[in-house]
Every structure is written in C-alpha cells, then in structure tokens.
N, C-alpha and C. Protein backbone atom coordinates (compact mmCIF):
# COMPACT_ATOMS: atom_id res chain seq x y z
N MET A 1 -51.61 31.13 -5.58
CA MET A 1 -51.32 30.87 -6.96
C MET A 1 -51.45 29.37 -7.21
N ILE A 2 -52.04 29.03 -8.30
CA ILE A 2 -52.26 27.63 -8.68
C ILE A 2 -51.03 27.14 -9.43
N PRO A 3 -50.48 25.98 -9.05
CA PRO A 3 -49.30 25.47 -9.78
C PRO A 3 -49.68 25.10 -11.20
N PRO A 4 -48.73 25.27 -12.12
CA PRO A 4 -49.04 24.95 -13.52
C PRO A 4 -49.19 23.46 -13.72
N LYS A 5 -49.88 23.10 -14.75
CA LYS A 5 -50.08 21.68 -15.07
C LYS A 5 -48.80 21.13 -15.70
N PRO A 6 -48.58 19.83 -15.56
CA PRO A 6 -47.36 19.24 -16.13
C PRO A 6 -47.24 19.44 -17.63
N ARG A 7 -48.36 19.45 -18.34
CA ARG A 7 -48.33 19.65 -19.78
C ARG A 7 -47.77 21.04 -20.11
N VAL A 8 -48.14 22.04 -19.33
CA VAL A 8 -47.66 23.41 -19.54
C VAL A 8 -46.16 23.49 -19.25
N ILE A 9 -45.74 22.84 -18.20
CA ILE A 9 -44.31 22.83 -17.86
C ILE A 9 -43.51 22.17 -18.98
N TRP A 10 -44.01 21.06 -19.50
CA TRP A 10 -43.32 20.34 -20.57
C TRP A 10 -43.19 21.22 -21.82
N ARG A 11 -44.27 21.93 -22.16
CA ARG A 11 -44.22 22.81 -23.34
C ARG A 11 -43.23 23.96 -23.13
N ASP A 12 -43.19 24.51 -21.92
CA ASP A 12 -42.23 25.57 -21.61
C ASP A 12 -40.79 25.08 -21.77
N MET A 13 -40.53 23.87 -21.29
CA MET A 13 -39.17 23.32 -21.40
C MET A 13 -38.80 23.08 -22.85
N LEU A 14 -39.74 22.53 -23.64
CA LEU A 14 -39.47 22.31 -25.06
C LEU A 14 -39.21 23.63 -25.79
N ALA A 15 -39.99 24.64 -25.45
CA ALA A 15 -39.79 25.94 -26.08
C ALA A 15 -38.45 26.54 -25.69
N PHE A 16 -38.07 26.38 -24.43
CA PHE A 16 -36.80 26.91 -23.96
C PHE A 16 -35.62 26.24 -24.66
N PHE A 17 -35.67 24.88 -24.75
CA PHE A 17 -34.54 24.17 -25.34
C PHE A 17 -34.54 24.21 -26.86
N SER A 18 -35.66 24.44 -27.47
CA SER A 18 -35.67 24.50 -28.94
C SER A 18 -34.99 25.77 -29.44
N GLY A 19 -35.00 26.82 -28.64
CA GLY A 19 -34.36 28.06 -29.04
C GLY A 19 -32.87 28.08 -28.71
N ARG A 20 -32.36 27.09 -28.07
CA ARG A 20 -30.95 27.04 -27.67
C ARG A 20 -30.14 26.20 -28.64
N GLY A 21 -28.84 26.42 -28.65
CA GLY A 21 -27.95 25.63 -29.48
C GLY A 21 -27.58 24.31 -28.79
N ARG A 22 -26.91 23.46 -29.56
CA ARG A 22 -26.52 22.15 -29.01
C ARG A 22 -25.54 22.28 -27.85
N HIS A 23 -24.69 23.31 -27.90
CA HIS A 23 -23.71 23.46 -26.84
C HIS A 23 -24.37 23.73 -25.49
N ASN A 24 -25.51 24.43 -25.49
CA ASN A 24 -26.23 24.67 -24.24
C ASN A 24 -26.80 23.37 -23.66
N ILE A 25 -27.26 22.51 -24.54
CA ILE A 25 -27.82 21.23 -24.06
C ILE A 25 -26.71 20.37 -23.47
N PHE A 26 -25.56 20.33 -24.15
CA PHE A 26 -24.42 19.56 -23.61
C PHE A 26 -23.96 20.13 -22.28
N ALA A 27 -23.94 21.45 -22.16
CA ALA A 27 -23.55 22.08 -20.91
C ALA A 27 -24.55 21.75 -19.80
N LEU A 28 -25.83 21.73 -20.14
CA LEU A 28 -26.85 21.36 -19.17
C LEU A 28 -26.67 19.92 -18.71
N ILE A 29 -26.42 19.02 -19.64
CA ILE A 29 -26.23 17.61 -19.29
C ILE A 29 -25.00 17.45 -18.38
N ALA A 30 -23.91 18.14 -18.73
CA ALA A 30 -22.71 18.07 -17.90
C ALA A 30 -22.94 18.67 -16.52
N ALA A 31 -23.69 19.78 -16.48
CA ALA A 31 -23.97 20.43 -15.20
C ALA A 31 -24.85 19.56 -14.31
N MET A 32 -25.71 18.77 -14.91
CA MET A 32 -26.56 17.88 -14.11
C MET A 32 -25.83 16.57 -13.77
N ALA A 33 -24.93 16.13 -14.65
CA ALA A 33 -24.25 14.85 -14.44
C ALA A 33 -23.21 14.93 -13.34
N MET A 34 -22.51 16.05 -13.24
CA MET A 34 -21.45 16.14 -12.24
C MET A 34 -21.98 16.03 -10.81
N PRO A 35 -22.98 16.80 -10.39
CA PRO A 35 -23.49 16.60 -9.02
C PRO A 35 -24.13 15.23 -8.83
N ALA A 36 -24.79 14.72 -9.89
CA ALA A 36 -25.39 13.39 -9.77
C ALA A 36 -24.32 12.34 -9.56
N PHE A 37 -23.16 12.48 -10.23
CA PHE A 37 -22.06 11.55 -10.05
C PHE A 37 -21.54 11.58 -8.63
N PHE A 38 -21.37 12.78 -8.06
CA PHE A 38 -20.86 12.87 -6.70
C PHE A 38 -21.87 12.35 -5.68
N VAL A 39 -23.14 12.59 -5.89
CA VAL A 39 -24.16 12.02 -4.99
C VAL A 39 -24.12 10.50 -5.08
N TRP A 40 -24.02 9.97 -6.30
CA TRP A 40 -23.93 8.51 -6.48
C TRP A 40 -22.68 7.97 -5.79
N LEU A 41 -21.56 8.70 -5.87
CA LEU A 41 -20.32 8.27 -5.23
C LEU A 41 -20.48 8.21 -3.72
N PHE A 42 -21.14 9.19 -3.12
CA PHE A 42 -21.38 9.16 -1.68
C PHE A 42 -22.28 8.00 -1.28
N VAL A 43 -23.27 7.71 -2.09
CA VAL A 43 -24.17 6.59 -1.79
C VAL A 43 -23.40 5.27 -1.84
N VAL A 44 -22.59 5.09 -2.87
CA VAL A 44 -21.81 3.85 -2.99
C VAL A 44 -20.82 3.74 -1.84
N ASP A 45 -20.14 4.84 -1.51
CA ASP A 45 -19.16 4.83 -0.43
C ASP A 45 -19.83 4.55 0.91
N GLY A 46 -21.04 5.03 1.08
CA GLY A 46 -21.74 4.80 2.33
C GLY A 46 -22.15 3.36 2.53
N ARG A 47 -22.21 2.59 1.47
CA ARG A 47 -22.62 1.19 1.58
C ARG A 47 -21.44 0.23 1.66
N THR A 48 -20.22 0.72 1.46
CA THR A 48 -19.07 -0.18 1.45
C THR A 48 -18.38 -0.17 2.80
N ASN A 49 -17.91 -1.33 3.20
CA ASN A 49 -17.11 -1.53 4.41
C ASN A 49 -17.79 -1.02 5.68
N ILE A 50 -19.09 -1.10 5.72
CA ILE A 50 -19.79 -0.66 6.92
C ILE A 50 -19.97 -1.83 7.88
N LEU A 51 -20.48 -2.91 7.37
CA LEU A 51 -20.76 -4.05 8.22
C LEU A 51 -19.53 -4.94 8.34
N PRO A 52 -19.29 -5.48 9.53
CA PRO A 52 -18.15 -6.39 9.67
C PRO A 52 -18.39 -7.66 8.87
N SER A 53 -17.29 -8.23 8.36
CA SER A 53 -17.41 -9.44 7.55
C SER A 53 -17.72 -10.65 8.42
N GLU A 54 -17.32 -10.61 9.67
CA GLU A 54 -17.59 -11.70 10.60
C GLU A 54 -18.42 -11.15 11.76
N PRO A 55 -19.14 -12.01 12.42
CA PRO A 55 -19.85 -11.52 13.59
C PRO A 55 -18.87 -11.11 14.69
N VAL A 56 -19.18 -10.03 15.37
CA VAL A 56 -18.32 -9.53 16.43
C VAL A 56 -18.74 -10.20 17.74
N VAL A 57 -17.78 -10.83 18.39
CA VAL A 57 -18.04 -11.51 19.65
C VAL A 57 -17.43 -10.68 20.77
N ILE A 58 -18.24 -10.33 21.73
CA ILE A 58 -17.77 -9.56 22.87
C ILE A 58 -17.89 -10.44 24.10
N TYR A 59 -16.75 -10.65 24.75
CA TYR A 59 -16.73 -11.47 25.95
C TYR A 59 -16.87 -10.57 27.17
N ALA A 60 -17.69 -10.97 28.08
CA ALA A 60 -17.88 -10.23 29.31
C ALA A 60 -17.53 -11.13 30.48
N GLU A 61 -16.82 -10.57 31.42
CA GLU A 61 -16.47 -11.34 32.61
C GLU A 61 -17.61 -11.25 33.61
N ILE A 62 -17.91 -12.36 34.20
CA ILE A 62 -18.97 -12.41 35.21
C ILE A 62 -18.29 -12.55 36.57
N TRP A 63 -18.63 -11.66 37.46
CA TRP A 63 -18.00 -11.65 38.77
C TRP A 63 -18.98 -12.14 39.83
N ARG A 64 -18.42 -12.75 40.84
CA ARG A 64 -19.26 -13.15 41.97
C ARG A 64 -19.67 -11.90 42.75
N ALA A 65 -20.83 -11.93 43.30
CA ALA A 65 -21.32 -10.76 44.04
C ALA A 65 -20.62 -10.63 45.39
N ASP A 66 -20.09 -11.73 45.90
CA ASP A 66 -19.49 -11.68 47.23
C ASP A 66 -17.96 -11.59 47.18
N ARG A 67 -17.41 -10.99 46.13
CA ARG A 67 -15.95 -10.85 46.05
C ARG A 67 -15.46 -9.89 47.12
N SER A 68 -14.28 -10.17 47.63
CA SER A 68 -13.70 -9.28 48.63
C SER A 68 -12.93 -8.16 47.94
N ASP A 69 -12.63 -7.12 48.69
CA ASP A 69 -11.87 -6.00 48.14
C ASP A 69 -10.48 -6.46 47.69
N GLU A 70 -9.90 -7.41 48.40
CA GLU A 70 -8.57 -7.91 48.03
C GLU A 70 -8.61 -8.59 46.66
N GLU A 71 -9.67 -9.35 46.40
CA GLU A 71 -9.80 -10.02 45.10
C GLU A 71 -9.96 -8.99 43.98
N ILE A 72 -10.72 -7.96 44.24
CA ILE A 72 -10.91 -6.90 43.25
C ILE A 72 -9.59 -6.20 42.96
N ILE A 73 -8.87 -5.84 44.01
CA ILE A 73 -7.59 -5.14 43.85
C ILE A 73 -6.59 -6.03 43.13
N GLU A 74 -6.57 -7.33 43.47
CA GLU A 74 -5.66 -8.27 42.81
C GLU A 74 -5.95 -8.36 41.32
N ARG A 75 -7.21 -8.42 40.94
CA ARG A 75 -7.56 -8.50 39.52
C ARG A 75 -7.17 -7.20 38.80
N GLN A 76 -7.40 -6.07 39.43
CA GLN A 76 -7.01 -4.80 38.82
C GLN A 76 -5.50 -4.72 38.66
N ARG A 77 -4.76 -5.24 39.64
CA ARG A 77 -3.30 -5.25 39.55
C ARG A 77 -2.84 -6.12 38.39
N GLU A 78 -3.45 -7.30 38.22
CA GLU A 78 -3.09 -8.19 37.12
C GLU A 78 -3.39 -7.54 35.76
N LEU A 79 -4.53 -6.89 35.65
CA LEU A 79 -4.88 -6.21 34.40
C LEU A 79 -3.93 -5.05 34.12
N ALA A 80 -3.54 -4.31 35.16
CA ALA A 80 -2.62 -3.19 34.98
C ALA A 80 -1.25 -3.69 34.53
N ILE A 81 -0.79 -4.80 35.10
CA ILE A 81 0.51 -5.35 34.72
C ILE A 81 0.47 -5.82 33.26
N ALA A 82 -0.62 -6.48 32.86
CA ALA A 82 -0.74 -6.94 31.47
C ALA A 82 -0.79 -5.76 30.51
N ALA A 83 -1.54 -4.71 30.86
CA ALA A 83 -1.62 -3.54 30.00
C ALA A 83 -0.26 -2.85 29.90
N ASP A 84 0.46 -2.78 31.02
CA ASP A 84 1.78 -2.17 30.99
C ASP A 84 2.74 -2.98 30.13
N ALA A 85 2.64 -4.31 30.18
CA ALA A 85 3.50 -5.16 29.36
C ALA A 85 3.20 -4.93 27.87
N ARG A 86 1.93 -4.79 27.52
CA ARG A 86 1.57 -4.53 26.12
C ARG A 86 2.10 -3.18 25.67
N ARG A 87 1.93 -2.14 26.51
CA ARG A 87 2.43 -0.81 26.17
C ARG A 87 3.96 -0.82 26.02
N THR A 88 4.64 -1.52 26.93
CA THR A 88 6.10 -1.58 26.86
C THR A 88 6.56 -2.26 25.58
N ALA A 89 5.93 -3.38 25.23
CA ALA A 89 6.31 -4.09 24.00
C ALA A 89 6.07 -3.22 22.78
N ARG A 90 4.96 -2.52 22.75
CA ARG A 90 4.64 -1.66 21.61
C ARG A 90 5.63 -0.49 21.52
N ARG A 91 5.92 0.13 22.67
CA ARG A 91 6.86 1.24 22.68
C ARG A 91 8.24 0.79 22.22
N ARG A 92 8.68 -0.36 22.68
CA ARG A 92 10.01 -0.85 22.29
C ARG A 92 10.06 -1.19 20.80
N SER A 93 8.96 -1.71 20.26
CA SER A 93 8.97 -2.00 18.82
C SER A 93 9.06 -0.70 18.02
N PHE A 94 8.38 0.35 18.49
CA PHE A 94 8.48 1.63 17.80
C PHE A 94 9.87 2.24 17.97
N GLN A 95 10.49 2.05 19.15
CA GLN A 95 11.84 2.56 19.35
C GLN A 95 12.83 1.84 18.44
N ARG A 96 12.67 0.51 18.29
CA ARG A 96 13.54 -0.23 17.38
C ARG A 96 13.38 0.28 15.95
N LEU A 97 12.14 0.50 15.55
CA LEU A 97 11.87 1.01 14.21
C LEU A 97 12.49 2.40 14.03
N ALA A 98 12.34 3.25 15.05
CA ALA A 98 12.92 4.59 14.98
C ALA A 98 14.43 4.52 14.89
N ASP A 99 15.05 3.62 15.64
CA ASP A 99 16.50 3.46 15.57
C ASP A 99 16.93 2.97 14.19
N GLU A 100 16.18 2.04 13.61
CA GLU A 100 16.53 1.52 12.29
C GLU A 100 16.38 2.59 11.20
N LEU A 101 15.38 3.44 11.34
CA LEU A 101 15.14 4.48 10.33
C LEU A 101 15.92 5.76 10.60
N GLY A 102 16.55 5.84 11.77
CA GLY A 102 17.32 7.03 12.10
C GLY A 102 16.46 8.19 12.55
N VAL A 103 15.30 7.92 13.10
CA VAL A 103 14.40 8.96 13.57
C VAL A 103 14.72 9.26 15.03
N ASP A 104 14.80 10.55 15.37
CA ASP A 104 15.07 10.94 16.75
C ASP A 104 13.79 10.86 17.57
N TYR A 105 13.94 10.46 18.81
CA TYR A 105 12.82 10.46 19.75
C TYR A 105 13.36 10.85 21.11
N ASP A 106 12.48 11.15 22.02
CA ASP A 106 12.87 11.61 23.35
C ASP A 106 13.38 10.42 24.15
N ARG A 107 14.70 10.28 24.20
CA ARG A 107 15.29 9.14 24.89
C ARG A 107 15.13 9.26 26.40
N GLY A 108 15.04 10.47 26.91
CA GLY A 108 14.82 10.66 28.34
C GLY A 108 13.44 10.15 28.75
N ALA A 109 12.43 10.46 27.93
CA ALA A 109 11.08 9.97 28.22
C ALA A 109 11.01 8.46 28.08
N ALA A 110 11.76 7.92 27.10
CA ALA A 110 11.80 6.46 26.93
C ALA A 110 12.45 5.80 28.13
N ALA A 111 13.52 6.40 28.65
CA ALA A 111 14.18 5.84 29.83
C ALA A 111 13.25 5.91 31.04
N GLU A 112 12.51 7.00 31.15
CA GLU A 112 11.55 7.11 32.26
C GLU A 112 10.45 6.06 32.14
N SER A 113 9.97 5.82 30.91
CA SER A 113 8.96 4.79 30.70
C SER A 113 9.51 3.41 31.04
N ASP A 114 10.77 3.17 30.69
CA ASP A 114 11.40 1.89 31.06
C ASP A 114 11.49 1.74 32.58
N ARG A 115 11.84 2.83 33.25
CA ARG A 115 11.93 2.79 34.72
C ARG A 115 10.56 2.48 35.33
N ILE A 116 9.52 3.11 34.80
CA ILE A 116 8.18 2.86 35.32
C ILE A 116 7.75 1.43 35.03
N SER A 117 8.10 0.91 33.86
CA SER A 117 7.76 -0.47 33.51
C SER A 117 8.45 -1.45 34.45
N ARG A 118 9.73 -1.18 34.76
CA ARG A 118 10.44 -2.07 35.69
C ARG A 118 9.82 -2.01 37.08
N ALA A 119 9.41 -0.80 37.50
CA ALA A 119 8.76 -0.67 38.81
C ALA A 119 7.43 -1.42 38.82
N ASN A 120 6.70 -1.36 37.71
CA ASN A 120 5.43 -2.09 37.64
C ASN A 120 5.66 -3.59 37.60
N GLN A 121 6.76 -4.03 36.98
CA GLN A 121 7.03 -5.47 36.94
C GLN A 121 7.37 -6.00 38.32
N ARG A 122 7.90 -5.14 39.19
CA ARG A 122 8.16 -5.58 40.56
C ARG A 122 6.85 -5.89 41.29
N LEU A 123 5.76 -5.28 40.82
CA LEU A 123 4.46 -5.57 41.42
C LEU A 123 4.00 -6.98 41.08
N ALA A 124 4.52 -7.52 39.97
CA ALA A 124 4.10 -8.85 39.55
C ALA A 124 4.63 -9.88 40.52
N ARG A 125 3.80 -10.79 40.87
CA ARG A 125 4.21 -11.87 41.76
C ARG A 125 4.76 -13.02 40.93
N THR A 126 5.46 -13.92 41.55
CA THR A 126 6.14 -14.99 40.82
C THR A 126 5.18 -15.89 40.08
N GLY A 127 3.98 -16.09 40.53
CA GLY A 127 3.05 -17.00 39.87
C GLY A 127 2.08 -16.33 38.93
N ASP A 128 2.28 -15.04 38.60
CA ASP A 128 1.29 -14.33 37.78
C ASP A 128 1.14 -14.92 36.38
N ASN A 129 2.07 -14.57 35.51
CA ASN A 129 2.02 -15.12 34.15
C ASN A 129 3.43 -15.23 33.61
N ALA A 130 3.58 -15.95 32.52
CA ALA A 130 4.91 -16.22 31.99
C ALA A 130 5.51 -15.02 31.28
N GLU A 131 4.70 -14.00 30.97
CA GLU A 131 5.22 -12.87 30.21
C GLU A 131 6.10 -11.96 31.05
N THR A 132 5.80 -11.84 32.34
CA THR A 132 6.53 -10.85 33.14
C THR A 132 7.93 -11.32 33.48
N THR A 133 8.16 -12.59 33.66
CA THR A 133 9.48 -13.07 34.05
C THR A 133 10.51 -12.92 32.93
N PRO A 134 10.24 -13.35 31.68
CA PRO A 134 11.24 -13.18 30.64
C PRO A 134 11.53 -11.72 30.33
N ARG A 135 10.59 -10.81 30.57
CA ARG A 135 10.83 -9.40 30.27
C ARG A 135 11.97 -8.86 31.13
N ALA A 136 12.04 -9.27 32.38
CA ALA A 136 13.12 -8.80 33.23
C ALA A 136 14.45 -9.29 32.69
N GLU A 137 14.49 -10.50 32.16
CA GLU A 137 15.71 -11.03 31.58
C GLU A 137 16.09 -10.27 30.31
N THR A 138 15.08 -9.93 29.46
CA THR A 138 15.38 -9.20 28.22
C THR A 138 15.79 -7.76 28.54
N ASP A 139 15.23 -7.19 29.64
CA ASP A 139 15.65 -5.85 30.04
C ASP A 139 17.14 -5.84 30.37
N ALA A 140 17.56 -6.84 31.13
CA ALA A 140 18.97 -6.90 31.52
C ALA A 140 19.85 -7.18 30.30
N ALA A 141 19.37 -7.98 29.36
CA ALA A 141 20.16 -8.32 28.18
C ALA A 141 20.29 -7.12 27.25
N GLU A 142 19.28 -6.25 27.20
CA GLU A 142 19.32 -5.10 26.31
C GLU A 142 20.29 -4.04 26.79
N ARG A 143 20.58 -4.01 28.08
CA ARG A 143 21.48 -2.98 28.62
C ARG A 143 22.87 -3.39 28.51
C-alpha cells in the first residue's frame, strides 16, 4: 500500500475537525498537552543535578612493590582501627539522638558493639594516632 500524500492527510484532518465541536478540540489539546508536559518534566529532571558542581578528586595510594607482609598487615590494621573509630562515633551520635528523642534501640547490641570497639582499640599501639587514646578516656567517663 502506498502511503497517502501529506496534502491528503491535511485535508482529512481539517474535515475531521471541522465536523467537531469546540469542546472536542479543547479535549484533544488537553489530551496532547498532558503527556507532553510529563515528557518535558522528565527531560528537565534528567538534566538537573547530574554533574558535580566541583571536579571530583580521587586520591590513590601508591605502594612500593617490595613491601613486606608485616607492612601490609600493619596498614590494614591501621585502616581497620580508623574505620572502627568512625563507626563507633557515628553509632554513639545516633544513640545520643535516640536517647534525646526517646526512641528505643537494642541496648544489648549497642553494648556488644562497645565491647568490640574497646577490643579493637586495644589493637591500637601507643604511637598510632591521637584519636584512639582520648576515646578510651571518654569511654571510661561515659560509664
């Protein structure tokens, strides 16, 4: 089948709409405007807040190829202690907030997490970093 010419399509549309009332034309415009509005909304939303406002800098540590296993284990221990200190501080801030708001939480699990944190702090050596030493003092002061 041969597709109709644009002139024929235009005449068909004019004939169709000339026989209709104004309310049909308004309904057609509304029916076409609503999906067009939502498509436009998705396009606008897709362009907002995608790119970071500042360049993202990623730091990578460069290791010597001849590191010993002890050096690797020591670095992993230091990273684990720092991560545990961050988790402990975050958990305690949430516990303080829960206490202030009167929200119940599993105090047994919190006590177990505190016990694990204290055990991990024992892994810290005296010369590691300044964060681990005051935490032991604040632990004793909180009890």
